[in-house]
Amino acid sequence: MSNELAIRLRDLKAELNHATLVAVSKYSPVEDVIEAYSYGQIDFGENRVSELKAKSETFEANKLSNVRWHFIGGLQTNKVKELLKIPNLWGIHSVGSKKIVEELIKREHEFDGPELKLFFQLNTSHEEEKSGFETIEELKKSIDLINSLKNSKLKVFGLMTMGAIRTEDFVASAIMSFRELKNSREKLEMKDLKLSMGMSQDYKIALSEGADFIRVGSLIFK
């Protein structure tokens, strides 16, 4: 797999321009993640706290410290404490409710890193099975809550969304979702917020719409 993985990473990064590639390793054994790391990939995304914890422990045991873990899955309040204790946790892409924000604030002391970057998830496709804030008003209240903290390691860093699951026009739906995320940033008047959007099936569309972070798994770890 070595040469193939190296080539896939090289070719994908060549497309990204300024965007950051988060290699989604949730279906891959830690050996494959370490191999990708050996080729210079440092940003990895996991959607289960238990899997992220296990992989981070293997990295720690092998003294592989130049890694940035991104949590990208649905987050429950009872998992926040465990998540915050994970070494080299760099960002959470799925901050999707005021309840989660309040739990992060409550448990911030569990986090040992210098700064934790928060991406606030918006449900731009407005599908019932999706998590995330539904309105700019409720999103802004949670952002203001974080920004009001003094000497906090929690940083309002970006916005995140996913394209529609059910759609008759995949491209049009993806464009609509990604543009709504961009428009939300404008409505918030926070032009420095980064946009986390685009996965294996729609990352090219996301890049064309200005994604700063893309979350790609199956195109890398085949």
C-alpha atoms as a PDB file:
ATOM      1  CA  MET A   1       0.000   0.000   0.000  1.00  0.00           C
ATOM      2  CA  SER A   2       2.959   2.320   0.650  1.00  0.00           C
ATOM      3  CA  ASN A   3       3.509   3.764  -2.802  1.00  0.00           C
ATOM      4  CA  GLU A   4      -0.215   3.959  -3.549  1.00  0.00           C
ATOM      5  CA  LEU A   5      -0.966   5.824  -0.331  1.00  0.00           C
ATOM      6  CA  ALA A   6       1.892   8.238  -0.882  1.00  0.00           C
ATOM      7  CA  ILE A   7       0.691   8.961  -4.430  1.00  0.00           C
ATOM      8  CA  ARG A   8      -2.927   9.473  -3.336  1.00  0.00           C
ATOM      9  CA  LEU A   9      -1.872  11.927  -0.644  1.00  0.00           C
ATOM     10  CA  ARG A  10       0.433  13.779  -3.037  1.00  0.00           C
ATOM     11  CA  ASP A  11      -2.187  14.080  -5.777  1.00  0.00           C
ATOM     12  CA  LEU A  12      -4.935  15.158  -3.406  1.00  0.00           C
ATOM     13  CA  LYS A  13      -2.822  17.809  -1.732  1.00  0.00           C
ATOM     14  CA  ALA A  14      -1.868  19.157  -5.145  1.00  0.00           C
ATOM     15  CA  GLU A  15      -5.537  20.032  -5.699  1.00  0.00           C
ATOM     16  CA  LEU A  16      -6.079  21.852  -2.438  1.00  0.00           C
ATOM     17  CA  ASN A  17      -4.378  25.188  -2.987  1.00  0.00           C
ATOM     18  CA  HIS A  18      -4.703  26.885   0.441  1.00  0.00           C
ATOM     19  CA  ALA A  19      -7.092  24.347   1.999  1.00  0.00           C
ATOM     20  CA  THR A  20      -6.085  21.883   4.714  1.00  0.00           C
ATOM     21  CA  LEU A  21      -6.618  18.172   4.151  1.00  0.00           C
ATOM     22  CA  VAL A  22      -8.095  16.334   7.118  1.00  0.00           C
ATOM     23  CA  ALA A  23      -7.527  12.646   6.398  1.00  0.00           C
ATOM     24  CA  VAL A  24     -10.551  10.834   7.792  1.00  0.00           C
ATOM     25  CA  SER A  25      -9.162   7.677   9.329  1.00  0.00           C
ATOM     26  CA  LYS A  26     -12.290   6.356  11.033  1.00  0.00           C
ATOM     27  CA  TYR A  27     -12.446   3.113   9.012  1.00  0.00           C
ATOM     28  CA  SER A  28      -8.686   2.537   8.905  1.00  0.00           C
ATOM     29  CA  PRO A  29      -6.348   0.652  11.234  1.00  0.00           C
ATOM     30  CA  VAL A  30      -3.847   2.754  13.114  1.00  0.00           C
ATOM     31  CA  GLU A  31      -1.002   1.224  11.052  1.00  0.00           C
ATOM     32  CA  ASP A  32      -2.379   2.940   7.944  1.00  0.00           C
ATOM     33  CA  VAL A  33      -2.693   6.226   9.815  1.00  0.00           C
ATOM     34  CA  ILE A  34       0.924   5.992  10.962  1.00  0.00           C
ATOM     35  CA  GLU A  35       1.971   5.259   7.378  1.00  0.00           C
ATOM     36  CA  ALA A  36       0.153   8.371   6.135  1.00  0.00           C
ATOM     37  CA  TYR A  37       1.827  10.329   8.943  1.00  0.00           C
ATOM     38  CA  SER A  38       5.212   9.094   7.721  1.00  0.00           C
ATOM     39  CA  TYR A  39       4.454  10.746   4.365  1.00  0.00           C
ATOM     40  CA  GLY A  40       3.884  14.120   6.024  1.00  0.00           C
ATOM     41  CA  GLN A  41       0.136  14.014   6.693  1.00  0.00           C
ATOM     42  CA  ILE A  42      -0.466  15.409  10.184  1.00  0.00           C
ATOM     43  CA  ASP A  43      -4.195  16.224  10.231  1.00  0.00           C
ATOM     44  CA  PHE A  44      -6.470  13.247  10.901  1.00  0.00           C
ATOM     45  CA  GLY A  45     -10.217  13.121  11.555  1.00  0.00           C
ATOM     46  CA  GLU A  46     -12.128  10.631  13.685  1.00  0.00           C
ATOM     47  CA  ASN A  47     -15.863  10.505  14.377  1.00  0.00           C
ATOM     48  CA  ARG A  48     -15.868   8.282  17.491  1.00  0.00           C
ATOM     49  CA  VAL A  49     -14.234   9.341  20.727  1.00  0.00           C
ATOM     50  CA  SER A  50     -13.211   5.782  21.596  1.00  0.00           C
ATOM     51  CA  GLU A  51     -11.451   5.270  18.235  1.00  0.00           C
ATOM     52  CA  LEU A  52      -9.709   8.615  18.478  1.00  0.00           C
ATOM     53  CA  LYS A  53      -8.535   7.799  21.996  1.00  0.00           C
ATOM     54  CA  ALA A  54      -7.143   4.413  20.924  1.00  0.00           C
ATOM     55  CA  LYS A  55      -5.256   5.831  17.938  1.00  0.00           C
ATOM     56  CA  SER A  56      -3.900   8.749  19.923  1.00  0.00           C
ATOM     57  CA  GLU A  57      -2.570   6.339  22.548  1.00  0.00           C
ATOM     58  CA  THR A  58      -0.737   4.363  19.858  1.00  0.00           C
ATOM     59  CA  PHE A  59       0.771   7.570  18.495  1.00  0.00           C
ATOM     60  CA  GLU A  60       1.843   8.545  22.013  1.00  0.00           C
ATOM     61  CA  ALA A  61       3.408   5.121  22.625  1.00  0.00           C
ATOM     62  CA  ASN A  62       5.403   5.492  19.405  1.00  0.00           C
ATOM     63  CA  LYS A  63       6.420   9.077  20.280  1.00  0.00           C
ATOM     64  CA  LEU A  64       4.640  10.489  17.223  1.00  0.00           C
ATOM     65  CA  SER A  65       3.733  13.893  18.599  1.00  0.00           C
ATOM     66  CA  ASN A  66       3.527  16.129  15.520  1.00  0.00           C
ATOM     67  CA  VAL A  67      -0.073  15.111  14.854  1.00  0.00           C
ATOM     68  CA  ARG A  68      -3.271  17.161  14.904  1.00  0.00           C
ATOM     69  CA  TRP A  69      -6.402  15.222  15.776  1.00  0.00           C
ATOM     70  CA  HIS A  70      -9.745  16.542  14.534  1.00  0.00           C
ATOM     71  CA  PHE A  71     -12.985  15.250  16.009  1.00  0.00           C
ATOM     72  CA  ILE A  72     -15.565  15.282  13.221  1.00  0.00           C
ATOM     73  CA  GLY A  73     -18.434  13.110  14.464  1.00  0.00           C
ATOM     74  CA  GLY A  74     -21.591  13.788  16.396  1.00  0.00           C
ATOM     75  CA  LEU A  75     -20.639  14.735  19.941  1.00  0.00           C
ATOM     76  CA  GLN A  76     -22.656  13.822  23.018  1.00  0.00           C
ATOM     77  CA  THR A  77     -22.279  15.697  26.290  1.00  0.00           C
ATOM     78  CA  ASN A  78     -21.255  12.534  28.150  1.00  0.00           C
ATOM     79  CA  LYS A  79     -18.260  12.129  25.791  1.00  0.00           C
ATOM     80  CA  VAL A  80     -16.895  15.668  26.104  1.00  0.00           C
ATOM     81  CA  LYS A  81     -14.759  14.981  29.176  1.00  0.00           C
ATOM     82  CA  GLU A  82     -13.086  11.957  27.549  1.00  0.00           C
ATOM     83  CA  LEU A  83     -12.546  13.817  24.284  1.00  0.00           C
ATOM     84  CA  LEU A  84     -10.874  16.798  25.923  1.00  0.00           C
ATOM     85  CA  LYS A  85      -8.313  14.551  27.601  1.00  0.00           C
ATOM     86  CA  ILE A  86      -6.961  13.245  24.276  1.00  0.00           C
ATOM     87  CA  PRO A  87      -3.377  14.420  23.617  1.00  0.00           C
ATOM     88  CA  ASN A  88      -2.859  16.582  20.508  1.00  0.00           C
ATOM     89  CA  LEU A  89      -6.574  17.239  20.050  1.00  0.00           C
ATOM     90  CA  TRP A  90      -6.467  20.186  17.674  1.00  0.00           C
ATOM     91  CA  GLY A  91     -10.069  20.890  16.769  1.00  0.00           C
ATOM     92  CA  ILE A  92     -13.708  19.850  17.034  1.00  0.00           C
ATOM     93  CA  HIS A  93     -15.668  20.220  13.796  1.00  0.00           C
ATOM     94  CA  SER A  94     -19.061  19.243  15.197  1.00  0.00           C
ATOM     95  CA  VAL A  95     -20.036  21.808  17.807  1.00  0.00           C
ATOM     96  CA  GLY A  96     -23.710  21.748  16.951  1.00  0.00           C
ATOM     97  CA  SER A  97     -25.717  22.930  19.955  1.00  0.00           C
ATOM     98  CA  LYS A  98     -25.674  25.301  22.894  1.00  0.00           C
ATOM     99  CA  LYS A  99     -25.745  22.252  25.161  1.00  0.00           C
ATOM    100  CA  ILE A 100     -22.418  21.057  23.760  1.00  0.00           C
ATOM    101  CA  VAL A 101     -20.954  24.550  24.072  1.00  0.00           C
ATOM    102  CA  GLU A 102     -21.957  24.696  27.735  1.00  0.00           C
ATOM    103  CA  GLU A 103     -20.425  21.274  28.381  1.00  0.00           C
ATOM    104  CA  LEU A 104     -17.167  22.300  26.680  1.00  0.00           C
ATOM    105  CA  ILE A 105     -16.988  25.359  28.904  1.00  0.00           C
ATOM    106  CA  LYS A 106     -17.752  23.278  31.982  1.00  0.00           C
ATOM    107  CA  ARG A 107     -15.063  20.722  31.111  1.00  0.00           C
ATOM    108  CA  GLU A 108     -12.429  23.037  29.672  1.00  0.00           C
ATOM    109  CA  HIS A 109     -10.080  22.292  32.571  1.00  0.00           C
ATOM    110  CA  GLU A 110      -9.765  18.712  31.237  1.00  0.00           C
ATOM    111  CA  PHE A 111      -8.029  20.015  28.101  1.00  0.00           C
ATOM    112  CA  ASP A 112      -4.249  20.103  28.378  1.00  0.00           C
ATOM    113  CA  GLY A 113      -3.302  21.647  25.046  1.00  0.00           C
ATOM    114  CA  PRO A 114      -2.562  25.300  24.298  1.00  0.00           C
ATOM    115  CA  GLU A 115      -5.743  25.970  22.323  1.00  0.00           C
ATOM    116  CA  LEU A 116      -8.784  24.048  21.089  1.00  0.00           C
ATOM    117  CA  LYS A 117     -10.293  25.234  17.832  1.00  0.00           C
ATOM    118  CA  LEU A 118     -14.070  24.988  17.554  1.00  0.00           C
ATOM    119  CA  PHE A 119     -15.996  24.664  14.290  1.00  0.00           C
ATOM    120  CA  PHE A 120     -19.707  25.336  14.733  1.00  0.00           C
ATOM    121  CA  GLN A 121     -21.859  22.957  12.713  1.00  0.00           C
ATOM    122  CA  LEU A 122     -24.756  24.333  10.688  1.00  0.00           C
ATOM    123  CA  ASN A 123     -27.435  22.117   9.215  1.00  0.00           C
ATOM    124  CA  THR A 124     -27.464  23.855   5.854  1.00  0.00           C
ATOM    125  CA  SER A 125     -29.319  21.022   4.116  1.00  0.00           C
ATOM    126  CA  HIS A 126     -32.046  21.209   6.806  1.00  0.00           C
ATOM    127  CA  GLU A 127     -32.417  17.439   6.981  1.00  0.00           C
ATOM    128  CA  GLU A 128     -33.925  16.044  10.163  1.00  0.00           C
ATOM    129  CA  GLU A 129     -31.236  13.398  10.687  1.00  0.00           C
ATOM    130  CA  LYS A 130     -28.469  16.008  10.642  1.00  0.00           C
ATOM    131  CA  SER A 131     -27.100  17.704  13.737  1.00  0.00           C
ATOM    132  CA  GLY A 132     -26.187  21.358  13.887  1.00  0.00           C
ATOM    133  CA  PHE A 133     -27.543  24.819  14.469  1.00  0.00           C
ATOM    134  CA  GLU A 134     -30.609  25.662  12.398  1.00  0.00           C
ATOM    135  CA  THR A 135     -30.578  29.460  12.646  1.00  0.00           C
ATOM    136  CA  ILE A 136     -27.985  32.225  12.700  1.00  0.00           C
ATOM    137  CA  GLU A 137     -29.570  33.610  15.866  1.00  0.00           C
ATOM    138  CA  GLU A 138     -29.007  30.478  17.961  1.00  0.00           C
ATOM    139  CA  LEU A 139     -25.533  30.039  16.477  1.00  0.00           C
ATOM    140  CA  LYS A 140     -24.536  33.589  17.370  1.00  0.00           C
ATOM    141  CA  LYS A 141     -25.615  33.121  20.995  1.00  0.00           C
ATOM    142  CA  SER A 142     -23.257  30.158  21.346  1.00  0.00           C
ATOM    143  CA  ILE A 143     -20.398  31.938  19.603  1.00  0.00           C
ATOM    144  CA  ASP A 144     -20.877  34.951  21.867  1.00  0.00           C
ATOM    145  CA  LEU A 145     -20.812  32.632  24.873  1.00  0.00           C
ATOM    146  CA  ILE A 146     -17.364  31.330  23.923  1.00  0.00           C
ATOM    147  CA  ASN A 147     -16.071  34.773  23.001  1.00  0.00           C
ATOM    148  CA  SER A 148     -17.154  36.170  26.362  1.00  0.00           C
ATOM    149  CA  LEU A 149     -14.790  33.835  28.235  1.00  0.00           C
ATOM    150  CA  LYS A 150     -11.583  35.257  29.654  1.00  0.00           C
ATOM    151  CA  ASN A 151      -8.270  33.416  29.307  1.00  0.00           C
ATOM    152  CA  SER A 152     -10.019  30.487  27.677  1.00  0.00           C
ATOM    153  CA  LYS A 153      -8.341  27.808  25.571  1.00  0.00           C
ATOM    154  CA  LEU A 154     -11.564  27.427  23.595  1.00  0.00           C
ATOM    155  CA  LYS A 155     -11.357  29.367  20.331  1.00  0.00           C
ATOM    156  CA  VAL A 156     -14.151  30.160  17.895  1.00  0.00           C
ATOM    157  CA  PHE A 157     -12.360  29.099  14.730  1.00  0.00           C
ATOM    158  CA  GLY A 158     -14.774  28.098  11.986  1.00  0.00           C
ATOM    159  CA  LEU A 159     -18.044  26.811  10.626  1.00  0.00           C
ATOM    160  CA  MET A 160     -18.798  23.303   9.367  1.00  0.00           C
ATOM    161  CA  THR A 161     -21.465  21.706   7.219  1.00  0.00           C
ATOM    162  CA  MET A 162     -22.242  18.658   5.103  1.00  0.00           C
ATOM    163  CA  GLY A 163     -24.073  18.350   1.812  1.00  0.00           C
ATOM    164  CA  ALA A 164     -27.510  16.756   1.539  1.00  0.00           C
ATOM    165  CA  ILE A 165     -27.952  13.025   2.059  1.00  0.00           C
ATOM    166  CA  ARG A 166     -31.186  12.793   0.076  1.00  0.00           C
ATOM    167  CA  THR A 167     -31.200  14.740  -3.150  1.00  0.00           C
ATOM    168  CA  GLU A 168     -32.178  14.382  -6.802  1.00  0.00           C
ATOM    169  CA  ASP A 169     -29.421  16.778  -7.882  1.00  0.00           C
ATOM    170  CA  PHE A 170     -26.242  16.048  -5.941  1.00  0.00           C
ATOM    171  CA  VAL A 171     -24.172  18.904  -7.364  1.00  0.00           C
ATOM    172  CA  ALA A 172     -26.862  21.570  -6.966  1.00  0.00           C
ATOM    173  CA  SER A 173     -27.600  20.477  -3.395  1.00  0.00           C
ATOM    174  CA  ALA A 174     -23.918  20.528  -2.442  1.00  0.00           C
ATOM    175  CA  ILE A 175     -23.462  24.000  -3.920  1.00  0.00           C
ATOM    176  CA  MET A 176     -26.538  25.238  -2.042  1.00  0.00           C
ATOM    177  CA  SER A 177     -25.285  23.844   1.291  1.00  0.00           C
ATOM    178  CA  PHE A 178     -21.777  25.199   0.893  1.00  0.00           C
ATOM    179  CA  ARG A 179     -22.948  28.627  -0.234  1.00  0.00           C
ATOM    180  CA  GLU A 180     -25.306  28.838   2.723  1.00  0.00           C
ATOM    181  CA  LEU A 181     -22.326  28.222   5.008  1.00  0.00           C
ATOM    182  CA  LYS A 182     -20.438  31.062   3.328  1.00  0.00           C
ATOM    183  CA  ASN A 183     -23.470  33.313   3.622  1.00  0.00           C
ATOM    184  CA  SER A 184     -23.773  32.455   7.304  1.00  0.00           C
ATOM    185  CA  ARG A 185     -20.228  33.652   7.851  1.00  0.00           C
ATOM    186  CA  GLU A 186     -21.121  36.943   6.181  1.00  0.00           C
ATOM    187  CA  LYS A 187     -24.247  37.325   8.311  1.00  0.00           C
ATOM    188  CA  LEU A 188     -22.185  36.765  11.429  1.00  0.00           C
ATOM    189  CA  GLU A 189     -19.754  39.434  10.177  1.00  0.00           C
ATOM    190  CA  MET A 190     -16.848  37.191  11.118  1.00  0.00           C
ATOM    191  CA  LYS A 191     -14.823  37.010   7.922  1.00  0.00           C
ATOM    192  CA  ASP A 192     -11.915  35.212   9.607  1.00  0.00           C
ATOM    193  CA  LEU A 193     -13.955  32.086  10.357  1.00  0.00           C
ATOM    194  CA  LYS A 194     -12.640  29.063   8.466  1.00  0.00           C
ATOM    195  CA  LEU A 195     -15.004  26.852   6.459  1.00  0.00           C
ATOM    196  CA  SER A 196     -14.885  23.084   6.992  1.00  0.00           C
ATOM    197  CA  MET A 197     -16.876  21.519   4.181  1.00  0.00           C
ATOM    198  CA  GLY A 198     -16.481  18.820   1.584  1.00  0.00           C
ATOM    199  CA  MET A 199     -15.887  15.084   1.820  1.00  0.00           C
ATOM    200  CA  SER A 200     -14.693  12.426  -0.623  1.00  0.00           C
ATOM    201  CA  GLN A 201     -17.737  12.693  -2.884  1.00  0.00           C
ATOM    202  CA  ASP A 202     -18.041  16.481  -2.986  1.00  0.00           C
ATOM    203  CA  TYR A 203     -14.706  17.997  -1.989  1.00  0.00           C
ATOM    204  CA  LYS A 204     -14.105  19.417  -5.489  1.00  0.00           C
ATOM    205  CA  ILE A 205     -17.356  21.382  -5.205  1.00  0.00           C
ATOM    206  CA  ALA A 206     -16.415  22.517  -1.704  1.00  0.00           C
ATOM    207  CA  LEU A 207     -13.014  23.726  -2.916  1.00  0.00           C
ATOM    208  CA  SER A 208     -14.660  25.726  -5.683  1.00  0.00           C
ATOM    209  CA  GLU A 209     -16.906  27.322  -3.047  1.00  0.00           C
ATOM    210  CA  GLY A 210     -14.007  28.354  -0.831  1.00  0.00           C
ATOM    211  CA  ALA A 211     -13.455  25.504   1.648  1.00  0.00           C
ATOM    212  CA  ASP A 212     -10.577  25.983   4.077  1.00  0.00           C
ATOM    213  CA  PHE A 213     -10.707  22.410   5.426  1.00  0.00           C
ATOM    214  CA  ILE A 214     -11.885  19.297   3.598  1.00  0.00           C
ATOM    215  CA  ARG A 215     -12.528  15.961   5.297  1.00  0.00           C
ATOM    216  CA  VAL A 216     -11.579  13.094   2.987  1.00  0.00           C
ATOM    217  CA  GLY A 217     -11.321   9.422   3.903  1.00  0.00           C
ATOM    218  CA  SER A 218     -12.185   6.838   1.266  1.00  0.00           C
ATOM    219  CA  LEU A 219     -10.075   8.498  -1.439  1.00  0.00           C
ATOM    220  CA  ILE A 220      -7.015   8.129   0.788  1.00  0.00           C
ATOM    221  CA  PHE A 221      -7.458   4.932   2.794  1.00  0.00           C
ATOM    222  CA  LYS A 222      -8.724   2.483   0.180  1.00  0.00           C
END
